[in-house]
C-alpha atoms as a PDB file:
ATOM      1  CA  UNK A   1       0.508  14.462 -20.436  1.00  0.00           C
ATOM      2  CA  UNK A   2       0.874  11.309 -18.283  1.00  0.00           C
ATOM      3  CA  UNK A   3       2.043  11.802 -14.730  1.00  0.00           C
ATOM      4  CA  UNK A   4       5.604  11.003 -13.661  1.00  0.00           C
ATOM      5  CA  UNK A   5       5.930   8.574 -10.737  1.00  0.00           C
ATOM      6  CA  UNK A   6       9.270   8.552  -8.910  1.00  0.00           C
ATOM      7  CA  UNK A   7      10.003   6.596  -5.716  1.00  0.00           C
ATOM      8  CA  UNK A   8      12.192   8.319  -3.161  1.00  0.00           C
ATOM      9  CA  UNK A   9      15.557   6.532  -3.231  1.00  0.00           C
ATOM     10  CA  UNK A  10      16.046   4.097  -0.333  1.00  0.00           C
ATOM     11  CA  UNK A  11      12.640   5.069   1.069  1.00  0.00           C
ATOM     12  CA  UNK A  12       9.044   3.886   0.809  1.00  0.00           C
ATOM     13  CA  UNK A  13       7.604   7.205  -0.357  1.00  0.00           C
ATOM     14  CA  UNK A  14       6.426   7.982  -3.881  1.00  0.00           C
ATOM     15  CA  UNK A  15       6.356  11.361  -5.623  1.00  0.00           C
ATOM     16  CA  UNK A  16       3.714  11.759  -8.338  1.00  0.00           C
ATOM     17  CA  UNK A  17       3.980  14.831 -10.550  1.00  0.00           C
ATOM     18  CA  UNK A  18       1.558  16.042 -13.173  1.00  0.00           C
ATOM     19  CA  UNK A  19      -0.102  19.422 -12.737  1.00  0.00           C
ATOM     20  CA  UNK A  20       0.650  19.216  -9.014  1.00  0.00           C
ATOM     21  CA  UNK A  21       3.171  17.303  -6.889  1.00  0.00           C
ATOM     22  CA  UNK A  22       1.807  14.563  -4.650  1.00  0.00           C
ATOM     23  CA  UNK A  23       3.668  12.600  -1.971  1.00  0.00           C
ATOM     24  CA  UNK A  24       2.250   9.112  -1.369  1.00  0.00           C
ATOM     25  CA  UNK A  25       2.896   6.960   1.712  1.00  0.00           C
ATOM     26  CA  UNK A  26       1.154   3.654   2.448  1.00  0.00           C
ATOM     27  CA  UNK A  27       0.647   1.275   5.372  1.00  0.00           C
ATOM     28  CA  UNK A  28       1.892   3.379   8.282  1.00  0.00           C
ATOM     29  CA  UNK A  29       0.100   1.193  10.878  1.00  0.00           C
ATOM     30  CA  UNK A  30       0.182   3.647  13.777  1.00  0.00           C
ATOM     31  CA  UNK A  31      -0.517   1.786  17.010  1.00  0.00           C
ATOM     32  CA  UNK A  32       1.000  -1.531  15.987  1.00  0.00           C
ATOM     33  CA  UNK A  33       3.191  -1.407  19.099  1.00  0.00           C
ATOM     34  CA  UNK A  34       0.072  -1.724  21.277  1.00  0.00           C
ATOM     35  CA  UNK A  35      -0.927  -4.869  19.392  1.00  0.00           C
ATOM     36  CA  UNK A  36       2.575  -6.318  19.681  1.00  0.00           C
ATOM     37  CA  UNK A  37       2.585  -5.529  23.401  1.00  0.00           C
ATOM     38  CA  UNK A  38      -0.562  -7.597  23.875  1.00  0.00           C
ATOM     39  CA  UNK A  39       1.377 -10.505  22.362  1.00  0.00           C
ATOM     40  CA  UNK A  40       4.254 -10.048  24.794  1.00  0.00           C
ATOM     41  CA  UNK A  41       6.530  -8.134  22.415  1.00  0.00           C
ATOM     42  CA  UNK A  42       7.444  -4.793  23.962  1.00  0.00           C
ATOM     43  CA  UNK A  43       8.344  -2.159  21.375  1.00  0.00           C
ATOM     44  CA  UNK A  44       8.519   1.574  22.166  1.00  0.00           C
ATOM     45  CA  UNK A  45       6.236   3.787  20.106  1.00  0.00           C
ATOM     46  CA  UNK A  46       7.681   4.483  16.669  1.00  0.00           C
ATOM     47  CA  UNK A  47       5.199   7.200  15.714  1.00  0.00           C
ATOM     48  CA  UNK A  48       7.595  10.046  16.486  1.00  0.00           C
ATOM     49  CA  UNK A  49      10.274   8.565  14.254  1.00  0.00           C
ATOM     50  CA  UNK A  50       7.712   7.842  11.555  1.00  0.00           C
ATOM     51  CA  UNK A  51       6.398  11.396  11.635  1.00  0.00           C
ATOM     52  CA  UNK A  52       9.928  12.788  11.446  1.00  0.00           C
ATOM     53  CA  UNK A  53      10.630  10.597   8.428  1.00  0.00           C
ATOM     54  CA  UNK A  54       7.503  11.745   6.584  1.00  0.00           C
ATOM     55  CA  UNK A  55       8.348  15.368   7.356  1.00  0.00           C
ATOM     56  CA  UNK A  56      11.744  14.692   5.765  1.00  0.00           C
ATOM     57  CA  UNK A  57       9.909  13.385   2.707  1.00  0.00           C
ATOM     58  CA  UNK A  58       7.828  16.564   2.625  1.00  0.00           C
ATOM     59  CA  UNK A  59      10.918  18.759   2.906  1.00  0.00           C
ATOM     60  CA  UNK A  60      12.597  16.850   0.072  1.00  0.00           C
ATOM     61  CA  UNK A  61       9.611  16.588  -2.272  1.00  0.00           C
ATOM     62  CA  UNK A  62       7.805  19.876  -1.535  1.00  0.00           C
ATOM     63  CA  UNK A  63       4.408  18.340  -2.396  1.00  0.00           C
ATOM     64  CA  UNK A  64       1.144  20.194  -2.909  1.00  0.00           C
ATOM     65  CA  UNK A  65      -0.725  17.311  -1.254  1.00  0.00           C
ATOM     66  CA  UNK A  66       0.045  14.141   0.698  1.00  0.00           C
ATOM     67  CA  UNK A  67      -1.905  10.941   0.007  1.00  0.00           C
ATOM     68  CA  UNK A  68      -1.895   8.387   2.833  1.00  0.00           C
ATOM     69  CA  UNK A  69      -2.777   5.224   0.942  1.00  0.00           C
ATOM     70  CA  UNK A  70      -4.508   3.199   3.618  1.00  0.00           C
ATOM     71  CA  UNK A  71      -3.838   1.577   6.991  1.00  0.00           C
ATOM     72  CA  UNK A  72      -2.847   4.803   8.688  1.00  0.00           C
ATOM     73  CA  UNK A  73      -3.770   3.070  11.952  1.00  0.00           C
ATOM     74  CA  UNK A  74      -3.341  -0.570  12.891  1.00  0.00           C
ATOM     75  CA  UNK A  75      -5.832  -2.006  15.347  1.00  0.00           C
ATOM     76  CA  UNK A  76      -9.175  -3.461  14.280  1.00  0.00           C
ATOM     77  CA  UNK A  77     -12.024  -3.491  15.080  1.00  0.00           C
ATOM     78  CA  UNK A  78     -11.376  -1.243  18.072  1.00  0.00           C
ATOM     79  CA  UNK A  79      -9.243   1.863  18.542  1.00  0.00           C
ATOM     80  CA  UNK A  80      -6.409   1.537  21.052  1.00  0.00           C
ATOM     81  CA  UNK A  81      -5.505   4.248  23.543  1.00  0.00           C
ATOM     82  CA  UNK A  82      -2.248   4.683  21.628  1.00  0.00           C
ATOM     83  CA  UNK A  83      -4.114   5.449  18.415  1.00  0.00           C
ATOM     84  CA  UNK A  84      -6.415   7.905  20.182  1.00  0.00           C
ATOM     85  CA  UNK A  85      -3.349   9.864  21.255  1.00  0.00           C
ATOM     86  CA  UNK A  86      -1.068   9.473  18.259  1.00  0.00           C
ATOM     87  CA  UNK A  87      -3.220   9.445  15.109  1.00  0.00           C
ATOM     88  CA  UNK A  88      -4.755  12.959  15.476  1.00  0.00           C
ATOM     89  CA  UNK A  89      -1.361  14.468  16.362  1.00  0.00           C
ATOM     90  CA  UNK A  90       0.317  12.633  13.476  1.00  0.00           C
ATOM     91  CA  UNK A  91      -2.212  13.828  10.890  1.00  0.00           C
ATOM     92  CA  UNK A  92      -2.377  17.317  12.325  1.00  0.00           C
ATOM     93  CA  UNK A  93       1.405  17.698  12.103  1.00  0.00           C
ATOM     94  CA  UNK A  94       1.423  16.729   8.423  1.00  0.00           C
ATOM     95  CA  UNK A  95      -1.618  18.881   7.608  1.00  0.00           C
ATOM     96  CA  UNK A  96       0.145  21.949   9.004  1.00  0.00           C
ATOM     97  CA  UNK A  97       2.583  21.609   6.092  1.00  0.00           C
ATOM     98  CA  UNK A  98       0.304  20.456   3.273  1.00  0.00           C
ATOM     99  CA  UNK A  99      -3.190  19.165   2.524  1.00  0.00           C
ATOM    100  CA  UNK A 100      -3.765  15.480   3.311  1.00  0.00           C
ATOM    101  CA  UNK A 101      -5.941  12.881   1.572  1.00  0.00           C
ATOM    102  CA  UNK A 102      -6.590   9.576   3.362  1.00  0.00           C
ATOM    103  CA  UNK A 103      -7.670   6.562   1.324  1.00  0.00           C
ATOM    104  CA  UNK A 104      -8.985   4.241   4.055  1.00  0.00           C
ATOM    105  CA  UNK A 105      -7.647   0.712   4.251  1.00  0.00           C
ATOM    106  CA  UNK A 106      -8.954  -2.332   6.081  1.00  0.00           C
ATOM    107  CA  UNK A 107      -7.312  -1.161   9.323  1.00  0.00           C
ATOM    108  CA  UNK A 108      -8.804   2.341   9.226  1.00  0.00           C
ATOM    109  CA  UNK A 109     -12.158   1.717  10.877  1.00  0.00           C
ATOM    110  CA  UNK A 110     -13.505   4.638  12.924  1.00  0.00           C
ATOM    111  CA  UNK A 111     -11.063   7.013  11.260  1.00  0.00           C
ATOM    112  CA  UNK A 112     -13.864   9.601  11.215  1.00  0.00           C
ATOM    113  CA  UNK A 113     -13.843   9.539  15.023  1.00  0.00           C
ATOM    114  CA  UNK A 114     -10.086  10.132  15.171  1.00  0.00           C
ATOM    115  CA  UNK A 115     -10.312  13.012  12.697  1.00  0.00           C
ATOM    116  CA  UNK A 116     -12.516  14.906  15.150  1.00  0.00           C
ATOM    117  CA  UNK A 117      -9.420  15.515  17.263  1.00  0.00           C
ATOM    118  CA  UNK A 118      -7.700  17.536  14.553  1.00  0.00           C
ATOM    119  CA  UNK A 119      -7.586  21.312  14.805  1.00  0.00           C
ATOM    120  CA  UNK A 120     -10.242  23.034  12.662  1.00  0.00           C
ATOM    121  CA  UNK A 121      -9.022  24.757   9.541  1.00  0.00           C
ATOM    122  CA  UNK A 122      -6.561  22.043   8.553  1.00  0.00           C
ATOM    123  CA  UNK A 123      -7.317  20.176   5.311  1.00  0.00           C
ATOM    124  CA  UNK A 124      -7.546  16.441   5.992  1.00  0.00           C
ATOM    125  CA  UNK A 125      -9.949  14.662   3.624  1.00  0.00           C
ATOM    126  CA  UNK A 126     -11.171  11.097   4.062  1.00  0.00           C
ATOM    127  CA  UNK A 127     -11.659   9.702   0.556  1.00  0.00           C
ATOM    128  CA  UNK A 128     -13.862   6.717  -0.459  1.00  0.00           C
ATOM    129  CA  UNK A 129     -12.561   3.247   0.413  1.00  0.00           C
ATOM    130  CA  UNK A 130     -12.778   2.228  -3.254  1.00  0.00           C
ATOM    131  CA  UNK A 131     -10.353   4.973  -4.168  1.00  0.00           C
ATOM    132  CA  UNK A 132     -10.323   8.317  -5.908  1.00  0.00           C
ATOM    133  CA  UNK A 133      -8.631  10.135  -8.771  1.00  0.00           C
ATOM    134  CA  UNK A 134      -6.277  13.026  -8.085  1.00  0.00           C
ATOM    135  CA  UNK A 135      -4.643  14.953 -10.920  1.00  0.00           C
ATOM    136  CA  UNK A 136      -5.202  12.111 -13.379  1.00  0.00           C
ATOM    137  CA  UNK A 137      -3.832   9.310 -11.162  1.00  0.00           C
ATOM    138  CA  UNK A 138      -5.965   6.688  -9.412  1.00  0.00           C
ATOM    139  CA  UNK A 139      -5.360   5.761  -5.775  1.00  0.00           C
ATOM    140  CA  UNK A 140      -6.853   2.933  -3.726  1.00  0.00           C
ATOM    141  CA  UNK A 141      -5.591   0.775  -0.876  1.00  0.00           C
ATOM    142  CA  UNK A 142      -6.269  -2.644  -2.390  1.00  0.00           C
ATOM    143  CA  UNK A 143      -8.548  -4.423   0.101  1.00  0.00           C
ATOM    144  CA  UNK A 144     -11.605  -3.724  -2.098  1.00  0.00           C
ATOM    145  CA  UNK A 145     -12.403  -3.655  -5.781  1.00  0.00           C
ATOM    146  CA  UNK A 146     -11.503  -0.214  -7.155  1.00  0.00           C
ATOM    147  CA  UNK A 147     -14.023   2.320  -8.310  1.00  0.00           C
ATOM    148  CA  UNK A 148     -14.267   1.731 -12.100  1.00  0.00           C
ATOM    149  CA  UNK A 149     -13.379   5.371 -12.732  1.00  0.00           C
ATOM    150  CA  UNK A 150      -9.799   4.548 -11.699  1.00  0.00           C
ATOM    151  CA  UNK A 151      -9.466   2.295 -14.749  1.00  0.00           C
ATOM    152  CA  UNK A 152      -9.601   5.319 -17.045  1.00  0.00           C
ATOM    153  CA  UNK A 153      -6.335   6.648 -15.557  1.00  0.00           C
ATOM    154  CA  UNK A 154      -2.843   6.122 -16.968  1.00  0.00           C
ATOM    155  CA  UNK A 155      -1.587   5.031 -13.560  1.00  0.00           C
ATOM    156  CA  UNK A 156      -3.071   3.402 -10.456  1.00  0.00           C
ATOM    157  CA  UNK A 157      -1.204   3.379  -7.148  1.00  0.00           C
ATOM    158  CA  UNK A 158      -2.164   0.782  -4.549  1.00  0.00           C
ATOM    159  CA  UNK A 159      -0.755  -0.930  -1.452  1.00  0.00           C
ATOM    160  CA  UNK A 160      -2.155  -3.452   1.084  1.00  0.00           C
ATOM    161  CA  UNK A 161       0.123  -6.475   0.552  1.00  0.00           C
ATOM    162  CA  UNK A 162       3.414  -4.963   1.816  1.00  0.00           C
ATOM    163  CA  UNK A 163       5.444  -6.366  -1.114  1.00  0.00           C
ATOM    164  CA  UNK A 164       8.890  -7.812  -0.479  1.00  0.00           C
ATOM    165  CA  UNK A 165      11.350  -9.981  -2.393  1.00  0.00           C
ATOM    166  CA  UNK A 166      12.879 -12.906  -0.516  1.00  0.00           C
ATOM    167  CA  UNK A 167      16.520 -13.799  -1.134  1.00  0.00           C
ATOM    168  CA  UNK A 168      17.587 -17.329  -0.182  1.00  0.00           C
ATOM    169  CA  UNK A 169      21.127 -18.718  -0.379  1.00  0.00           C
ATOM    170  CA  UNK A 170      22.193 -22.307  -1.001  1.00  0.00           C
ATOM    171  CA  UNK A 171      22.257 -23.045   2.725  1.00  0.00           C
ATOM    172  CA  UNK A 172      18.633 -21.996   3.103  1.00  0.00           C
ATOM    173  CA  UNK A 173      19.325 -18.729   4.910  1.00  0.00           C
ATOM    174  CA  UNK A 174      16.975 -16.024   3.702  1.00  0.00           C
ATOM    175  CA  UNK A 175      16.081 -12.384   4.100  1.00  0.00           C
ATOM    176  CA  UNK A 176      13.250 -10.292   2.683  1.00  0.00           C
ATOM    177  CA  UNK A 177      13.668  -6.792   1.280  1.00  0.00           C
ATOM    178  CA  UNK A 178      10.847  -4.275   0.705  1.00  0.00           C
ATOM    179  CA  UNK A 179      10.082  -3.856  -2.972  1.00  0.00           C
ATOM    180  CA  UNK A 180       8.162  -1.807  -5.494  1.00  0.00           C
ATOM    181  CA  UNK A 181       6.025  -3.738  -7.971  1.00  0.00           C
ATOM    182  CA  UNK A 182       5.029  -2.328 -11.368  1.00  0.00           C
ATOM    183  CA  UNK A 183       2.466  -4.263 -13.353  1.00  0.00           C
ATOM    184  CA  UNK A 184      -0.815  -4.177 -15.318  1.00  0.00           C
ATOM    185  CA  UNK A 185      -4.402  -5.309 -14.826  1.00  0.00           C
ATOM    186  CA  UNK A 186      -6.320  -8.110 -16.525  1.00  0.00           C
ATOM    187  CA  UNK A 187      -9.174  -6.404 -18.351  1.00  0.00           C
ATOM    188  CA  UNK A 188     -11.248  -9.565 -18.876  1.00  0.00           C
ATOM    189  CA  UNK A 189     -11.341 -10.363 -15.161  1.00  0.00           C
ATOM    190  CA  UNK A 190     -12.339  -6.796 -14.320  1.00  0.00           C
ATOM    191  CA  UNK A 191     -15.075  -6.808 -16.971  1.00  0.00           C
ATOM    192  CA  UNK A 192     -16.401 -10.065 -15.546  1.00  0.00           C
ATOM    193  CA  UNK A 193     -16.489  -8.622 -12.035  1.00  0.00           C
ATOM    194  CA  UNK A 194     -18.162  -5.373 -13.061  1.00  0.00           C
ATOM    195  CA  UNK A 195     -20.497  -7.281 -15.402  1.00  0.00           C
ATOM    196  CA  UNK A 196     -19.395  -5.106 -18.298  1.00  0.00           C
ATOM    197  CA  UNK A 197     -19.121  -5.892 -21.977  1.00  0.00           C
ATOM    198  CA  UNK A 198     -15.947  -5.084 -23.864  1.00  0.00           C
ATOM    199  CA  UNK A 199     -15.884  -1.367 -24.450  1.00  0.00           C
ATOM    200  CA  UNK A 200     -18.325  -0.536 -21.648  1.00  0.00           C
ATOM    201  CA  UNK A 201     -15.707  -0.439 -18.901  1.00  0.00           C
ATOM    202  CA  UNK A 202     -13.708   2.805 -18.746  1.00  0.00           C
ATOM    203  CA  UNK A 203     -10.246   1.612 -19.691  1.00  0.00           C
ATOM    204  CA  UNK A 204      -6.831   3.123 -20.330  1.00  0.00           C
ATOM    205  CA  UNK A 205      -4.780  -0.008 -19.579  1.00  0.00           C
ATOM    206  CA  UNK A 206      -3.288   1.668 -16.502  1.00  0.00           C
ATOM    207  CA  UNK A 207       0.136   0.851 -15.154  1.00  0.00           C
ATOM    208  CA  UNK A 208      -0.210  -0.302 -11.551  1.00  0.00           C
ATOM    209  CA  UNK A 209       2.361   0.598  -8.893  1.00  0.00           C
ATOM    210  CA  UNK A 210       2.178  -1.450  -5.686  1.00  0.00           C
ATOM    211  CA  UNK A 211       3.830   0.357  -2.795  1.00  0.00           C
ATOM    212  CA  UNK A 212       5.979  -1.139  -0.033  1.00  0.00           C
ATOM    213  CA  UNK A 213       4.808  -0.601   3.531  1.00  0.00           C
ATOM    214  CA  UNK A 214       6.099   2.453   5.380  1.00  0.00           C
ATOM    215  CA  UNK A 215       5.883   0.600   8.716  1.00  0.00           C
ATOM    216  CA  UNK A 216       8.892  -1.627   9.380  1.00  0.00           C
ATOM    217  CA  UNK A 217       7.126  -3.699  12.038  1.00  0.00           C
ATOM    218  CA  UNK A 218       4.188  -5.049  10.046  1.00  0.00           C
ATOM    219  CA  UNK A 219       5.930  -7.671   7.943  1.00  0.00           C
ATOM    220  CA  UNK A 220       5.384  -8.288   4.264  1.00  0.00           C
ATOM    221  CA  UNK A 221       4.566 -10.772   1.529  1.00  0.00           C
ATOM    222  CA  UNK A 222       7.345 -12.195  -0.671  1.00  0.00           C
ATOM    223  CA  UNK A 223       5.954 -11.627  -4.164  1.00  0.00           C
ATOM    224  CA  UNK A 224       8.577 -13.876  -5.763  1.00  0.00           C
ATOM    225  CA  UNK A 225       7.219 -16.771  -3.690  1.00  0.00           C
ATOM    226  CA  UNK A 226       3.513 -15.943  -3.972  1.00  0.00           C
ATOM    227  CA  UNK A 227       0.696 -16.902  -6.286  1.00  0.00           C
ATOM    228  CA  UNK A 228      -2.555 -14.986  -6.663  1.00  0.00           C
ATOM    229  CA  UNK A 229      -4.233 -17.031  -3.933  1.00  0.00           C
ATOM    230  CA  UNK A 230      -1.517 -16.117  -1.432  1.00  0.00           C
ATOM    231  CA  UNK A 231      -2.144 -12.380  -1.745  1.00  0.00           C
ATOM    232  CA  UNK A 232      -4.752 -10.281   0.006  1.00  0.00           C
ATOM    233  CA  UNK A 233      -7.578  -8.361  -1.626  1.00  0.00           C
ATOM    234  CA  UNK A 234     -10.013  -9.291  -4.409  1.00  0.00           C
ATOM    235  CA  UNK A 235      -8.021  -7.741  -7.246  1.00  0.00           C
ATOM    236  CA  UNK A 236      -5.114 -10.017  -6.320  1.00  0.00           C
ATOM    237  CA  UNK A 237      -6.924 -13.234  -5.428  1.00  0.00           C
ATOM    238  CA  UNK A 238      -9.074 -13.006  -8.578  1.00  0.00           C
ATOM    239  CA  UNK A 239      -6.051 -12.665 -10.846  1.00  0.00           C
ATOM    240  CA  UNK A 240      -7.026  -9.141 -11.904  1.00  0.00           C
ATOM    241  CA  UNK A 241      -3.484  -7.976 -11.081  1.00  0.00           C
ATOM    242  CA  UNK A 242      -0.904  -9.480 -13.436  1.00  0.00           C
ATOM    243  CA  UNK A 243       1.914 -11.178 -11.493  1.00  0.00           C
ATOM    244  CA  UNK A 244       4.107 -13.150 -13.904  1.00  0.00           C
ATOM    245  CA  UNK A 245       5.093 -10.118 -15.980  1.00  0.00           C
ATOM    246  CA  UNK A 246       5.238  -7.742 -13.012  1.00  0.00           C
ATOM    247  CA  UNK A 247       8.555  -5.947 -12.530  1.00  0.00           C
ATOM    248  CA  UNK A 248      10.172  -5.794  -9.078  1.00  0.00           C
ATOM    249  CA  UNK A 249      12.472  -3.042  -7.813  1.00  0.00           C
ATOM    250  CA  UNK A 250      14.334  -2.673  -4.524  1.00  0.00           C
ATOM    251  CA  UNK A 251      14.149   0.586  -2.581  1.00  0.00           C
ATOM    252  CA  UNK A 252      17.561   1.651  -3.895  1.00  0.00           C
ATOM    253  CA  UNK A 253      16.208   1.453  -7.438  1.00  0.00           C
ATOM    254  CA  UNK A 254      17.738  -1.905  -8.370  1.00  0.00           C
ATOM    255  CA  UNK A 255      15.597  -3.537 -11.031  1.00  0.00           C
ATOM    256  CA  UNK A 256      15.266  -7.240 -10.285  1.00  0.00           C
ATOM    257  CA  UNK A 257      13.224  -8.124 -13.349  1.00  0.00           C
ATOM    258  CA  UNK A 258      10.012 -10.070 -13.853  1.00  0.00           C
ATOM    259  CA  UNK A 259       8.520 -12.072 -11.008  1.00  0.00           C
ATOM    260  CA  UNK A 260       8.272 -15.106 -13.289  1.00  0.00           C
ATOM    261  CA  UNK A 261      12.046 -14.972 -13.829  1.00  0.00           C
ATOM    262  CA  UNK A 262      12.778 -14.430 -10.144  1.00  0.00           C
ATOM    263  CA  UNK A 263      10.812 -17.561  -9.315  1.00  0.00           C
ATOM    264  CA  UNK A 264      13.151 -19.583 -11.541  1.00  0.00           C
ATOM    265  CA  UNK A 265      16.124 -18.598  -9.377  1.00  0.00           C
ATOM    266  CA  UNK A 266      14.791 -20.561  -6.410  1.00  0.00           C
ATOM    267  CA  UNK A 267      12.259 -23.201  -5.510  1.00  0.00           C
ATOM    268  CA  UNK A 268       8.752 -21.765  -5.622  1.00  0.00           C
ATOM    269  CA  UNK A 269       6.064 -24.311  -4.957  1.00  0.00           C
ATOM    270  CA  UNK A 270       2.334 -23.840  -4.831  1.00  0.00           C
ATOM    271  CA  UNK A 271       1.269 -23.860  -1.218  1.00  0.00           C
ATOM    272  CA  UNK A 272      -1.279 -26.405  -0.023  1.00  0.00           C
ATOM    273  CA  UNK A 273      -4.739 -24.895   0.340  1.00  0.00           C
ATOM    274  CA  UNK A 274      -4.783 -25.236   4.130  1.00  0.00           C
ATOM    275  CA  UNK A 275      -1.493 -23.481   4.518  1.00  0.00           C
ATOM    276  CA  UNK A 276      -2.551 -20.746   2.106  1.00  0.00           C
ATOM    277  CA  UNK A 277      -5.758 -20.094   4.033  1.00  0.00           C
ATOM    278  CA  UNK A 278      -3.903 -20.117   7.333  1.00  0.00           C
ATOM    279  CA  UNK A 279      -1.356 -17.668   5.918  1.00  0.00           C
ATOM    280  CA  UNK A 280      -4.125 -15.307   4.813  1.00  0.00           C
ATOM    281  CA  UNK A 281      -5.762 -15.413   8.214  1.00  0.00           C
ATOM    282  CA  UNK A 282      -2.513 -14.597   9.999  1.00  0.00           C
ATOM    283  CA  UNK A 283      -1.730 -11.706   7.666  1.00  0.00           C
ATOM    284  CA  UNK A 284      -5.310 -10.462   7.874  1.00  0.00           C
ATOM    285  CA  UNK A 285      -4.987 -10.198  11.629  1.00  0.00           C
ATOM    286  CA  UNK A 286      -2.157  -7.709  11.295  1.00  0.00           C
END
């Protein structure tokens, strides 16, 4: 029986239920305050509030496992003093309630070093960067190509781009709201990448759920104003993730419809190449 995927209302957590219950949270970006401080923006540490929020998720969902879907920490390539103090405590606190799986993202370098600070006996597992399958559902962050085994699942959950939808009024004032994106993959592009002939690639035409970022300080990408080249990660930039027919939902569950229709409500122009590359570099430095 296919798994049931249900976002927590007004939150950025996802509950996946099949044979077990799994709570999924993505893009926590612990230590981002240290990076902002180096840029002259002083923000008190938010890790305590973030941990309290995830513990609320755990109390509400009663999961058997928690999947942290990449970018648990923020700073690359080095580890900040803030991350040395906060990441082990953060993971340890969650692991005292339930087992934890970490799918490393592009910001999670040296996570093995940070895991050494966790009390022995707690179950915190660092999964492969190309993703893994848990209870019939595939999970990967999105900064790499997925392991082909994920394509044989009914559902794939990914993150990385911090999806939002931008609302703009007639006067040009705008605001961006975090969003869930549900879509499909382009089999031909994946077969070309994996150098597979039709029928050779494990394939179940999985539904893809792209998660909003848990961190409220890391910004996002307006999917209703973005083309494949504006998004990060090879599965996006290659066109392997379908965008036009993707469905967008706000955190309160409001269905906004297809991205192609949302683009018709405003002016969406293809960005010049230079601007697109500059945008990618700035987002990549997050």
